[in-house]
PDB file of N, CA and C in Angstrom:
ATOM      1  N   MET A   1      83.132  85.415  98.246  1.00  0.00           N
ATOM      2  CA  MET A   1      83.753  85.720  96.967  1.00  0.00           C
ATOM      3  C   MET A   1      85.258  85.594  97.104  1.00  0.00           C
ATOM      4  N   LYS A   2      85.877  85.087  96.082  1.00  0.00           N
ATOM      5  CA  LYS A   2      87.331  84.973  96.060  1.00  0.00           C
ATOM      6  C   LYS A   2      87.932  86.277  95.547  1.00  0.00           C
ATOM      7  N   GLN A   3      89.210  86.470  95.868  1.00  0.00           N
ATOM      8  CA  GLN A   3      89.930  87.619  95.331  1.00  0.00           C
ATOM      9  C   GLN A   3      90.918  87.134  94.276  1.00  0.00           C
ATOM     10  N   TYR A   4      91.072  87.958  93.243  1.00  0.00           N
ATOM     11  CA  TYR A   4      91.965  87.645  92.133  1.00  0.00           C
ATOM     12  C   TYR A   4      92.888  88.831  91.880  1.00  0.00           C
ATOM     13  N   PHE A   5      94.099  88.505  91.482  1.00  0.00           N
ATOM     14  CA  PHE A   5      95.111  89.486  91.113  1.00  0.00           C
ATOM     15  C   PHE A   5      95.145  89.544  89.593  1.00  0.00           C
ATOM     16  N   LEU A   6      94.871  90.691  89.025  1.00  0.00           N
ATOM     17  CA  LEU A   6      94.932  90.890  87.581  1.00  0.00           C
ATOM     18  C   LEU A   6      96.168  91.735  87.305  1.00  0.00           C
ATOM     19  N   ALA A   7      97.185  91.115  86.737  1.00  0.00           N
ATOM     20  CA  ALA A   7      98.473  91.770  86.511  1.00  0.00           C
ATOM     21  C   ALA A   7      98.562  92.255  85.073  1.00  0.00           C
ATOM     22  N   VAL A   8      98.852  93.532  84.899  1.00  0.00           N
ATOM     23  CA  VAL A   8      99.057  94.115  83.579  1.00  0.00           C
ATOM     24  C   VAL A   8     100.540  93.956  83.245  1.00  0.00           C
ATOM     25  N   ASN A   9     100.827  93.180  82.235  1.00  0.00           N
ATOM     26  CA  ASN A   9     102.206  92.880  81.869  1.00  0.00           C
ATOM     27  C   ASN A   9     102.646  93.714  80.678  1.00  0.00           C
ATOM     28  N   GLY A  10     103.867  94.206  80.757  1.00  0.00           N
ATOM     29  CA  GLY A  10     104.471  94.951  79.665  1.00  0.00           C
ATOM     30  C   GLY A  10     105.733  94.255  79.212  1.00  0.00           C
ATOM     31  N   THR A  11     106.234  94.655  78.079  1.00  0.00           N
ATOM     32  CA  THR A  11     107.477  94.095  77.555  1.00  0.00           C
ATOM     33  C   THR A  11     108.406  95.233  77.199  1.00  0.00           C
ATOM     34  N   GLU A  12     109.612  95.178  77.752  1.00  0.00           N
ATOM     35  CA  GLU A  12     110.625  96.186  77.462  1.00  0.00           C
ATOM     36  C   GLU A  12     110.875  96.216  75.956  1.00  0.00           C
ATOM     37  N   GLY A  13     110.948  97.399  75.405  1.00  0.00           N
ATOM     38  CA  GLY A  13     111.217  97.524  73.982  1.00  0.00           C
ATOM     39  C   GLY A  13     109.966  97.678  73.131  1.00  0.00           C
ATOM     40  N   ASP A  14     108.783  97.508  73.736  1.00  0.00           N
ATOM     41  CA  ASP A  14     107.550  97.737  72.981  1.00  0.00           C
ATOM     42  C   ASP A  14     107.517  99.193  72.518  1.00  0.00           C
ATOM     43  N   ALA A  15     106.873  99.421  71.415  1.00  0.00           N
ATOM     44  CA  ALA A  15     106.748 100.783  70.900  1.00  0.00           C
ATOM     45  C   ALA A  15     106.011 101.649  71.916  1.00  0.00           C
ATOM     46  N   THR A  16     106.474 102.872  72.101  1.00  0.00           N
ATOM     47  CA  THR A  16     105.828 103.808  73.013  1.00  0.00           C
ATOM     48  C   THR A  16     104.601 104.390  72.321  1.00  0.00           C
ATOM     49  N   PRO A  17     103.433 104.288  72.975  1.00  0.00           N
ATOM     50  CA  PRO A  17     102.233 104.855  72.363  1.00  0.00           C
ATOM     51  C   PRO A  17     102.332 106.377  72.272  1.00  0.00           C
ATOM     52  N   SER A  18     101.582 106.942  71.355  1.00  0.00           N
ATOM     53  CA  SER A  18     101.540 108.404  71.226  1.00  0.00           C
ATOM     54  C   SER A  18     100.816 108.986  72.441  1.00  0.00           C
ATOM     55  N   ASP A  19     100.951 110.290  72.626  1.00  0.00           N
ATOM     56  CA  ASP A  19     100.262 110.953  73.740  1.00  0.00           C
ATOM     57  C   ASP A  19      98.753 110.752  73.646  1.00  0.00           C
ATOM     58  N   ASP A  20      98.192 110.829  72.439  1.00  0.00           N
ATOM     59  CA  ASP A  20      96.751 110.618  72.265  1.00  0.00           C
ATOM     60  C   ASP A  20      96.361 109.189  72.632  1.00  0.00           C
ATOM     61  N   GLU A  21      97.178 108.214  72.241  1.00  0.00           N
ATOM     62  CA  GLU A  21      96.896 106.817  72.591  1.00  0.00           C
ATOM     63  C   GLU A  21      96.969 106.610  74.101  1.00  0.00           C
ATOM     64  N   ILE A  22      97.953 107.217  74.746  1.00  0.00           N
ATOM     65  CA  ILE A  22      98.100 107.097  76.198  1.00  0.00           C
ATOM     66  C   ILE A  22      96.881 107.707  76.895  1.00  0.00           C
ATOM     67  N   GLN A  23      96.455 108.889  76.448  1.00  0.00           N
ATOM     68  CA  GLN A  23      95.288 109.526  77.060  1.00  0.00           C
ATOM     69  C   GLN A  23      94.038 108.669  76.857  1.00  0.00           C
ATOM     70  N   GLY A  24      93.922 108.035  75.689  1.00  0.00           N
ATOM     71  CA  GLY A  24      92.802 107.135  75.431  1.00  0.00           C
ATOM     72  C   GLY A  24      92.818 105.927  76.364  1.00  0.00           C
ATOM     73  N   MET A  25      94.010 105.370  76.608  1.00  0.00           N
ATOM     74  CA  MET A  25      94.131 104.240  77.534  1.00  0.00           C
ATOM     75  C   MET A  25      93.779 104.669  78.951  1.00  0.00           C
ATOM     76  N   TYR A  26      94.270 105.850  79.372  1.00  0.00           N
ATOM     77  CA  TYR A  26      93.939 106.352  80.713  1.00  0.00           C
ATOM     78  C   TYR A  26      92.426 106.476  80.883  1.00  0.00           C
ATOM     79  N   ALA A  27      91.756 107.010  79.873  1.00  0.00           N
ATOM     80  CA  ALA A  27      90.305 107.173  79.942  1.00  0.00           C
ATOM     81  C   ALA A  27      89.607 105.810  79.985  1.00  0.00           C
ATOM     82  N   ALA A  28      90.081 104.873  79.168  1.00  0.00           N
ATOM     83  CA  ALA A  28      89.476 103.535  79.150  1.00  0.00           C
ATOM     84  C   ALA A  28      89.684 102.812  80.468  1.00  0.00           C
ATOM     85  N   VAL A  29      90.864 102.937  81.054  1.00  0.00           N
ATOM     86  CA  VAL A  29      91.140 102.302  82.343  1.00  0.00           C
ATOM     87  C   VAL A  29      90.296 102.960  83.442  1.00  0.00           C
ATOM     88  N   ALA A  30      90.161 104.268  83.412  1.00  0.00           N
ATOM     89  CA  ALA A  30      89.326 104.951  84.402  1.00  0.00           C
ATOM     90  C   ALA A  30      87.878 104.466  84.302  1.00  0.00           C
ATOM     91  N   ALA A  31      87.367 104.296  83.089  1.00  0.00           N
ATOM     92  CA  ALA A  31      86.004 103.793  82.897  1.00  0.00           C
ATOM     93  C   ALA A  31      85.892 102.351  83.401  1.00  0.00           C
ATOM     94  N   PHE A  32      86.915 101.537  83.139  1.00  0.00           N
ATOM     95  CA  PHE A  32      86.927 100.153  83.628  1.00  0.00           C
ATOM     96  C   PHE A  32      86.944 100.134  85.154  1.00  0.00           C
ATOM     97  N   ASN A  33      87.774 100.992  85.762  1.00  0.00           N
ATOM     98  CA  ASN A  33      87.827 101.069  87.222  1.00  0.00           C
ATOM     99  C   ASN A  33      86.451 101.432  87.796  1.00  0.00           C
ATOM    100  N   THR A  34      85.775 102.378  87.169  1.00  0.00           N
ATOM    101  CA  THR A  34      84.439 102.772  87.618  1.00  0.00           C
ATOM    102  C   THR A  34      83.466 101.606  87.493  1.00  0.00           C
ATOM    103  N   GLU A  35      83.566 100.853  86.396  1.00  0.00           N
ATOM    104  CA  GLU A  35      82.699  99.693  86.208  1.00  0.00           C
ATOM    105  C   GLU A  35      82.939  98.649  87.301  1.00  0.00           C
ATOM    106  N   LEU A  36      84.210  98.389  87.617  1.00  0.00           N
ATOM    107  CA  LEU A  36      84.544  97.458  88.705  1.00  0.00           C
ATOM    108  C   LEU A  36      83.942  97.939  90.028  1.00  0.00           C
ATOM    109  N   GLN A  37      84.104  99.223  90.314  1.00  0.00           N
ATOM    110  CA  GLN A  37      83.593  99.779  91.568  1.00  0.00           C
ATOM    111  C   GLN A  37      82.076  99.692  91.637  1.00  0.00           C
ATOM    112  N   ASP A  38      81.404 100.063  90.541  1.00  0.00           N
ATOM    113  CA  ASP A  38      79.940 100.033  90.506  1.00  0.00           C
ATOM    114  C   ASP A  38      79.399  98.610  90.672  1.00  0.00           C
ATOM    115  N   ALA A  39      80.162  97.608  90.203  1.00  0.00           N
ATOM    116  CA  ALA A  39      79.739  96.200  90.302  1.00  0.00           C
ATOM    117  C   ALA A  39      80.102  95.580  91.655  1.00  0.00           C
ATOM    118  N   GLY A  40      80.828  96.324  92.488  1.00  0.00           N
ATOM    119  CA  GLY A  40      81.243  95.782  93.779  1.00  0.00           C
ATOM    120  C   GLY A  40      82.400  94.804  93.684  1.00  0.00           C
ATOM    121  N   ALA A  41      83.103  94.800  92.558  1.00  0.00           N
ATOM    122  CA  ALA A  41      84.221  93.869  92.351  1.00  0.00           C
ATOM    123  C   ALA A  41      85.565  94.498  92.701  1.00  0.00           C
ATOM    124  N   TRP A  42      85.613  95.800  92.865  1.00  0.00           N
ATOM    125  CA  TRP A  42      86.854  96.545  93.129  1.00  0.00           C
ATOM    126  C   TRP A  42      87.357  96.273  94.537  1.00  0.00           C
ATOM    127  N   VAL A  43      88.641  95.958  94.652  1.00  0.00           N
ATOM    128  CA  VAL A  43      89.309  95.918  95.949  1.00  0.00           C
ATOM    129  C   VAL A  43      90.401  96.975  95.971  1.00  0.00           C
ATOM    130  N   PHE A  44      91.294  96.936  94.978  1.00  0.00           N
ATOM    131  CA  PHE A  44      92.422  97.862  94.932  1.00  0.00           C
ATOM    132  C   PHE A  44      93.055  97.773  93.561  1.00  0.00           C
ATOM    133  N   ALA A  45      93.690  98.852  93.115  1.00  0.00           N
ATOM    134  CA  ALA A  45      94.408  98.832  91.838  1.00  0.00           C
ATOM    135  C   ALA A  45      95.510  99.872  91.870  1.00  0.00           C
ATOM    136  N   GLY A  46      96.475  99.715  90.974  1.00  0.00           N
ATOM    137  CA  GLY A  46      97.536 100.698  90.883  1.00  0.00           C
ATOM    138  C   GLY A  46      98.410 100.482  89.671  1.00  0.00           C
ATOM    139  N   GLY A  47      98.972 101.564  89.187  1.00  0.00           N
ATOM    140  CA  GLY A  47      99.965 101.511  88.121  1.00  0.00           C
ATOM    141  C   GLY A  47     101.349 101.622  88.739  1.00  0.00           C
ATOM    142  N   LEU A  48     102.321 101.045  88.085  1.00  0.00           N
ATOM    143  CA  LEU A  48     103.684 101.027  88.612  1.00  0.00           C
ATOM    144  C   LEU A  48     104.643 101.745  87.679  1.00  0.00           C
ATOM    145  N   PHE A  49     105.675 102.359  88.276  1.00  0.00           N
ATOM    146  CA  PHE A  49     106.750 102.913  87.472  1.00  0.00           C
ATOM    147  C   PHE A  49     107.530 101.762  86.834  1.00  0.00           C
ATOM    148  N   PRO A  50     108.336 102.038  85.806  1.00  0.00           N
ATOM    149  CA  PRO A  50     109.099 100.971  85.139  1.00  0.00           C
ATOM    150  C   PRO A  50     110.094 100.297  86.089  1.00  0.00           C
ATOM    151  N   PRO A  51     110.520  99.089  85.751  1.00  0.00           N
ATOM    152  CA  PRO A  51     111.411  98.343  86.637  1.00  0.00           C
ATOM    153  C   PRO A  51     112.765  98.989  86.870  1.00  0.00           C
ATOM    154  N   ASP A  52     113.195  99.906  86.017  1.00  0.00           N
ATOM    155  CA  ASP A  52     114.512 100.507  86.217  1.00  0.00           C
ATOM    156  C   ASP A  52     114.570 101.412  87.450  1.00  0.00           C
ATOM    157  N   VAL A  53     113.428 101.732  88.062  1.00  0.00           N
ATOM    158  CA  VAL A  53     113.428 102.508  89.297  1.00  0.00           C
ATOM    159  C   VAL A  53     113.176 101.635  90.531  1.00  0.00           C
ATOM    160  N   ALA A  54     113.135 100.313  90.330  1.00  0.00           N
ATOM    161  CA  ALA A  54     112.881  99.387  91.438  1.00  0.00           C
ATOM    162  C   ALA A  54     114.087  99.286  92.363  1.00  0.00           C
ATOM    163  N   THR A  55     113.820  98.878  93.583  1.00  0.00           N
ATOM    164  CA  THR A  55     114.851  98.533  94.553  1.00  0.00           C
ATOM    165  C   THR A  55     114.494  97.155  95.085  1.00  0.00           C
ATOM    166  N   THR A  56     115.478  96.260  95.152  1.00  0.00           N
ATOM    167  CA  THR A  56     115.240  94.900  95.618  1.00  0.00           C
ATOM    168  C   THR A  56     115.909  94.693  96.964  1.00  0.00           C
ATOM    169  N   VAL A  57     115.153  94.103  97.887  1.00  0.00           N
ATOM    170  CA  VAL A  57     115.640  93.805  99.231  1.00  0.00           C
ATOM    171  C   VAL A  57     115.603  92.290  99.395  1.00  0.00           C
ATOM    172  N   ARG A  58     116.774  91.704  99.717  1.00  0.00           N
ATOM    173  CA  ARG A  58     116.814  90.243  99.861  1.00  0.00           C
ATOM    174  C   ARG A  58     117.707  89.851 101.027  1.00  0.00           C
ATOM    175  N   PRO A  59     117.304  88.781 101.739  1.00  0.00           N
ATOM    176  CA  PRO A  59     118.132  88.314 102.843  1.00  0.00           C
ATOM    177  C   PRO A  59     119.418  87.698 102.312  1.00  0.00           C
ATOM    178  N   GLN A  60     120.497  87.916 103.059  1.00  0.00           N
ATOM    179  CA  GLN A  60     121.783  87.330 102.700  1.00  0.00           C
ATOM    180  C   GLN A  60     122.484  86.967 104.010  1.00  0.00           C
ATOM    181  N   GLY A  61     122.316  85.698 104.399  1.00  0.00           N
ATOM    182  CA  GLY A  61     122.849  85.263 105.684  1.00  0.00           C
ATOM    183  C   GLY A  61     122.095  85.961 106.805  1.00  0.00           C
ATOM    184  N   ASP A  62     122.839  86.576 107.720  1.00  0.00           N
ATOM    185  CA  ASP A  62     122.226  87.306 108.830  1.00  0.00           C
ATOM    186  C   ASP A  62     121.973  88.764 108.486  1.00  0.00           C
ATOM    187  N   ASP A  63     122.223  89.147 107.258  1.00  0.00           N
ATOM    188  CA  ASP A  63     122.084  90.533 106.829  1.00  0.00           C
ATOM    189  C   ASP A  63     120.990  90.631 105.768  1.00  0.00           C
ATOM    190  N   VAL A  64     120.731  91.839 105.335  1.00  0.00           N
ATOM    191  CA  VAL A  64     119.785  92.092 104.251  1.00  0.00           C
ATOM    192  C   VAL A  64     120.485  92.975 103.233  1.00  0.00           C
ATOM    193  N   LEU A  65     120.443  92.548 101.977  1.00  0.00           N
ATOM    194  CA  LEU A  65     121.098  93.265 100.895  1.00  0.00           C
ATOM    195  C   LEU A  65     120.056  94.095 100.147  1.00  0.00           C
ATOM    196  N   VAL A  66     120.350  95.370  99.959  1.00  0.00           N
ATOM    197  CA  VAL A  66     119.472  96.278  99.215  1.00  0.00           C
ATOM    198  C   VAL A  66     120.209  96.687  97.946  1.00  0.00           C
ATOM    199  N   THR A  67     119.585  96.416  96.787  1.00  0.00           N
ATOM    200  CA  THR A  67     120.218  96.756  95.512  1.00  0.00           C
ATOM    201  C   THR A  67     119.249  97.524  94.625  1.00  0.00           C
ATOM    202  N   ASP A  68     119.806  98.400  93.803  1.00  0.00           N
ATOM    203  CA  ASP A  68     119.002  99.106  92.817  1.00  0.00           C
ATOM    204  C   ASP A  68     118.636  98.146  91.704  1.00  0.00           C
ATOM    205  N   GLY A  69     117.429  98.295  91.196  1.00  0.00           N
ATOM    206  CA  GLY A  69     117.007  97.504  90.054  1.00  0.00           C
ATOM    207  C   GLY A  69     116.027  96.413  90.425  1.00  0.00           C
ATOM    208  N   PRO A  70     115.442  95.811  89.403  1.00  0.00           N
ATOM    209  CA  PRO A  70     114.416  94.786  89.621  1.00  0.00           C
ATOM    210  C   PRO A  70     115.008  93.481  90.147  1.00  0.00           C
ATOM    211  N   PHE A  71     114.141  92.632  90.674  1.00  0.00           N
ATOM    212  CA  PHE A  71     114.532  91.322  91.191  1.00  0.00           C
ATOM    213  C   PHE A  71     115.109  90.447  90.087  1.00  0.00           C
ATOM    214  N   ALA A  72     114.444  90.445  88.938  1.00  0.00           N
ATOM    215  CA  ALA A  72     114.877  89.582  87.833  1.00  0.00           C
ATOM    216  C   ALA A  72     115.229  90.437  86.617  1.00  0.00           C
ATOM    217  N   GLU A  73     116.259  90.027  85.911  1.00  0.00           N
ATOM    218  CA  GLU A  73     116.611  90.674  84.648  1.00  0.00           C
ATOM    219  C   GLU A  73     115.779  90.006  83.557  1.00  0.00           C
ATOM    220  N   THR A  74     114.760  90.695  83.110  1.00  0.00           N
ATOM    221  CA  THR A  74     113.858  90.134  82.115  1.00  0.00           C
ATOM    222  C   THR A  74     113.270  91.257  81.278  1.00  0.00           C
ATOM    223  N   LYS A  75     112.790  90.922  80.107  1.00  0.00           N
ATOM    224  CA  LYS A  75     112.165  91.921  79.249  1.00  0.00           C
ATOM    225  C   LYS A  75     110.714  92.174  79.650  1.00  0.00           C
ATOM    226  N   GLU A  76     110.079  91.174  80.292  1.00  0.00           N
ATOM    227  CA  GLU A  76     108.701  91.342  80.731  1.00  0.00           C
ATOM    228  C   GLU A  76     108.689  91.944  82.129  1.00  0.00           C
ATOM    229  N   TYR A  77     107.688  92.770  82.394  1.00  0.00           N
ATOM    230  CA  TYR A  77     107.597  93.410  83.703  1.00  0.00           C
ATOM    231  C   TYR A  77     106.139  93.674  84.061  1.00  0.00           C
ATOM    232  N   LEU A  78     105.888  93.852  85.349  1.00  0.00           N
ATOM    233  CA  LEU A  78     104.572  94.190  85.862  1.00  0.00           C
ATOM    234  C   LEU A  78     104.385  95.693  85.755  1.00  0.00           C
ATOM    235  N   GLY A  79     103.384  96.117  85.000  1.00  0.00           N
ATOM    236  CA  GLY A  79     103.159  97.535  84.781  1.00  0.00           C
ATOM    237  C   GLY A  79     102.061  98.116  85.649  1.00  0.00           C
ATOM    238  N   GLY A  80     101.188  97.270  86.142  1.00  0.00           N
ATOM    239  CA  GLY A  80     100.083  97.709  86.982  1.00  0.00           C
ATOM    240  C   GLY A  80      99.261  96.498  87.372  1.00  0.00           C
ATOM    241  N   PHE A  81      98.221  96.732  88.166  1.00  0.00           N
ATOM    242  CA  PHE A  81      97.442  95.588  88.639  1.00  0.00           C
ATOM    243  C   PHE A  81      96.087  96.032  89.159  1.00  0.00           C
ATOM    244  N   TRP A  82      95.194  95.068  89.258  1.00  0.00           N
ATOM    245  CA  TRP A  82      93.937  95.208  89.969  1.00  0.00           C
ATOM    246  C   TRP A  82      93.839  94.034  90.931  1.00  0.00           C
ATOM    247  N   VAL A  83      93.255  94.259  92.075  1.00  0.00           N
ATOM    248  CA  VAL A  83      92.816  93.189  92.962  1.00  0.00           C
ATOM    249  C   VAL A  83      91.300  93.285  92.952  1.00  0.00           C
ATOM    250  N   ILE A  84      90.649  92.198  92.560  1.00  0.00           N
ATOM    251  CA  ILE A  84      89.191  92.217  92.418  1.00  0.00           C
ATOM    252  C   ILE A  84      88.571  91.078  93.220  1.00  0.00           C
ATOM    253  N   LYS A  85      87.261  91.188  93.416  1.00  0.00           N
ATOM    254  CA  LYS A  85      86.463  90.108  93.982  1.00  0.00           C
ATOM    255  C   LYS A  85      85.623  89.537  92.847  1.00  0.00           C
ATOM    256  N   ALA A  86      85.577  88.201  92.753  1.00  0.00           N
ATOM    257  CA  ALA A  86      84.757  87.555  91.729  1.00  0.00           C
ATOM    258  C   ALA A  86      84.267  86.217  92.261  1.00  0.00           C
ATOM    259  N   GLU A  87      83.142  85.786  91.771  1.00  0.00           N
ATOM    260  CA  GLU A  87      82.557  84.512  92.204  1.00  0.00           C
ATOM    261  C   GLU A  87      83.457  83.327  91.891  1.00  0.00           C
ATOM    262  N   ASP A  88      84.101  83.362  90.717  1.00  0.00           N
ATOM    263  CA  ASP A  88      84.921  82.236  90.284  1.00  0.00           C
ATOM    264  C   ASP A  88      85.888  82.705  89.203  1.00  0.00           C
ATOM    265  N   LEU A  89      86.709  81.772  88.719  1.00  0.00           N
ATOM    266  CA  LEU A  89      87.712  82.121  87.709  1.00  0.00           C
ATOM    267  C   LEU A  89      87.073  82.652  86.433  1.00  0.00           C
ATOM    268  N   ASP A  90      85.960  82.083  86.017  1.00  0.00           N
ATOM    269  CA  ASP A  90      85.310  82.569  84.794  1.00  0.00           C
ATOM    270  C   ASP A  90      84.914  84.041  84.918  1.00  0.00           C
ATOM    271  N   ALA A  91      84.393  84.419  86.084  1.00  0.00           N
ATOM    272  CA  ALA A  91      84.016  85.821  86.298  1.00  0.00           C
ATOM    273  C   ALA A  91      85.260  86.709  86.322  1.00  0.00           C
ATOM    274  N   ALA A  92      86.341  86.230  86.939  1.00  0.00           N
ATOM    275  CA  ALA A  92      87.594  87.000  86.962  1.00  0.00           C
ATOM    276  C   ALA A  92      88.151  87.161  85.557  1.00  0.00           C
ATOM    277  N   LEU A  93      88.060  86.120  84.750  1.00  0.00           N
ATOM    278  CA  LEU A  93      88.541  86.196  83.372  1.00  0.00           C
ATOM    279  C   LEU A  93      87.716  87.185  82.553  1.00  0.00           C
ATOM    280  N   ALA A  94      86.423  87.256  82.811  1.00  0.00           N
ATOM    281  CA  ALA A  94      85.578  88.224  82.097  1.00  0.00           C
ATOM    282  C   ALA A  94      86.029  89.650  82.427  1.00  0.00           C
ATOM    283  N   TRP A  95      86.351  89.915  83.707  1.00  0.00           N
ATOM    284  CA  TRP A  95      86.872  91.224  84.073  1.00  0.00           C
ATOM    285  C   TRP A  95      88.229  91.458  83.427  1.00  0.00           C
ATOM    286  N   ALA A  96      89.085  90.449  83.419  1.00  0.00           N
ATOM    287  CA  ALA A  96      90.431  90.592  82.844  1.00  0.00           C
ATOM    288  C   ALA A  96      90.368  90.937  81.360  1.00  0.00           C
ATOM    289  N   LYS A  97      89.415  90.365  80.647  1.00  0.00           N
ATOM    290  CA  LYS A  97      89.265  90.678  79.223  1.00  0.00           C
ATOM    291  C   LYS A  97      88.971  92.166  79.035  1.00  0.00           C
ATOM    292  N   LYS A  98      88.088  92.706  79.870  1.00  0.00           N
ATOM    293  CA  LYS A  98      87.774  94.131  79.783  1.00  0.00           C
ATOM    294  C   LYS A  98      88.985  94.983  80.156  1.00  0.00           C
ATOM    295  N   GLY A  99      89.732  94.535  81.173  1.00  0.00           N
ATOM    296  CA  GLY A  99      90.932  95.265  81.579  1.00  0.00           C
ATOM    297  C   GLY A  99      91.997  95.262  80.511  1.00  0.00           C
ATOM    298  N   ALA A 100      92.162  94.117  79.835  1.00  0.00           N
ATOM    299  CA  ALA A 100      93.163  94.012  78.768  1.00  0.00           C
ATOM    300  C   ALA A 100      92.834  94.957  77.619  1.00  0.00           C
ATOM    301  N   VAL A 101      91.552  95.047  77.281  1.00  0.00           N
ATOM    302  CA  VAL A 101      91.136  95.967  76.211  1.00  0.00           C
ATOM    303  C   VAL A 101      91.384  97.407  76.653  1.00  0.00           C
ATOM    304  N   ALA A 102      91.044  97.717  77.908  1.00  0.00           N
ATOM    305  CA  ALA A 102      91.190  99.089  78.404  1.00  0.00           C
ATOM    306  C   ALA A 102      92.642  99.541  78.406  1.00  0.00           C
ATOM    307  N   CYS A 103      93.544  98.673  78.872  1.00  0.00           N
ATOM    308  CA  CYS A 103      94.952  99.103  78.996  1.00  0.00           C
ATOM    309  C   CYS A 103      95.788  98.699  77.783  1.00  0.00           C
ATOM    310  N   GLN A 104      95.153  98.025  76.820  1.00  0.00           N
ATOM    311  CA  GLN A 104      95.840  97.622  75.589  1.00  0.00           C
ATOM    312  C   GLN A 104      97.087  96.789  75.885  1.00  0.00           C
ATOM    313  N   GLY A 105      96.958  95.862  76.842  1.00  0.00           N
ATOM    314  CA  GLY A 105      98.087  95.011  77.203  1.00  0.00           C
ATOM    315  C   GLY A 105      97.609  93.695  77.769  1.00  0.00           C
ATOM    316  N   ALA A 106      98.536  92.764  77.863  1.00  0.00           N
ATOM    317  CA  ALA A 106      98.236  91.444  78.415  1.00  0.00           C
ATOM    318  C   ALA A 106      97.914  91.566  79.898  1.00  0.00           C
ATOM    319  N   VAL A 107      96.935  90.790  80.352  1.00  0.00           N
ATOM    320  CA  VAL A 107      96.558  90.758  81.758  1.00  0.00           C
ATOM    321  C   VAL A 107      96.583  89.308  82.225  1.00  0.00           C
ATOM    322  N   GLU A 108      97.385  89.038  83.238  1.00  0.00           N
ATOM    323  CA  GLU A 108      97.481  87.709  83.846  1.00  0.00           C
ATOM    324  C   GLU A 108      96.534  87.659  85.036  1.00  0.00           C
ATOM    325  N   VAL A 109      95.819  86.551  85.184  1.00  0.00           N
ATOM    326  CA  VAL A 109      94.863  86.381  86.279  1.00  0.00           C
ATOM    327  C   VAL A 109      95.364  85.296  87.215  1.00  0.00           C
ATOM    328  N   ARG A 110      95.446  85.634  88.513  1.00  0.00           N
ATOM    329  CA  ARG A 110      95.881  84.653  89.515  1.00  0.00           C
ATOM    330  C   ARG A 110      95.014  84.780  90.752  1.00  0.00           C
ATOM    331  N   PRO A 111      94.506  83.651  91.246  1.00  0.00           N
ATOM    332  CA  PRO A 111      93.719  83.708  92.480  1.00  0.00           C
ATOM    333  C   PRO A 111      94.634  83.872  93.687  1.00  0.00           C
ATOM    334  N   PHE A 112      94.125  84.543  94.700  1.00  0.00           N
ATOM    335  CA  PHE A 112      94.832  84.609  95.975  1.00  0.00           C
ATOM    336  C   PHE A 112      94.648  83.281  96.690  1.00  0.00           C
ATOM    337  N   GLN A 113      95.620  82.894  97.474  1.00  0.00           N
ATOM    338  CA  GLN A 113      95.489  81.718  98.311  1.00  0.00           C
ATOM    339  C   GLN A 113      94.467  82.026  99.383  1.00  0.00           C
ATOM    340  N   GLU A 114      93.633  81.058  99.679  1.00  0.00           N
ATOM    341  CA  GLU A 114      92.640  81.265 100.719  1.00  0.00           C
ATOM    342  C   GLU A 114      93.229  80.928 102.070  1.00  0.00           C
ATOM    343  N   GLU A 115      92.812  81.694 103.078  1.00  0.00           N
ATOM    344  CA  GLU A 115      93.283  81.459 104.433  1.00  0.00           C
ATOM    345  C   GLU A 115      92.681  80.158 104.944  1.00  0.00           C
ATOM    346  N   PRO A 116      93.498  79.308 105.583  1.00  0.00           N
ATOM    347  CA  PRO A 116      92.939  78.086 106.169  1.00  0.00           C
ATOM    348  C   PRO A 116      91.967  78.444 107.303  1.00  0.00           C
ATOM    349  N   GLU A 117      90.924  77.656 107.419  1.00  0.00           N
ATOM    350  CA  GLU A 117      89.953  77.914 108.470  1.00  0.00           C
ATOM    351  C   GLU A 117      90.542  77.518 109.816  1.00  0.00           C
ATOM    352  N   ALA A 118      90.282  78.340 110.820  1.00  0.00           N
ATOM    353  CA  ALA A 118      90.849  78.099 112.157  1.00  0.00           C
ATOM    354  C   ALA A 118      90.117  77.007 112.894  1.00  0.00           C
TER     355      ALA A 118
END
């Protein structure tokens, strides 16, 4: 089985959901996570704090520069993710559709690169 990265994307400036809406999303995501686990598709998942609390580490010559803030200045950001196992892209997309409904946000699907055979 291949592994896929399902990225939950957010956009800065989107309306903040009400507390009831947030609790509903948490419950829907928890149910989706359980469904992934029960199907044997779960590898790992996590939610992320907003990009304004990020720290970026980048090489600069022989040194390494550490700066507060995200790598890129953009309105779109990664809000959370799942790493899943699926037979193929169609199966990963079917999971992503359920995840998008659960978290009420766009979900990008990307396959992991496969390790070359030794």
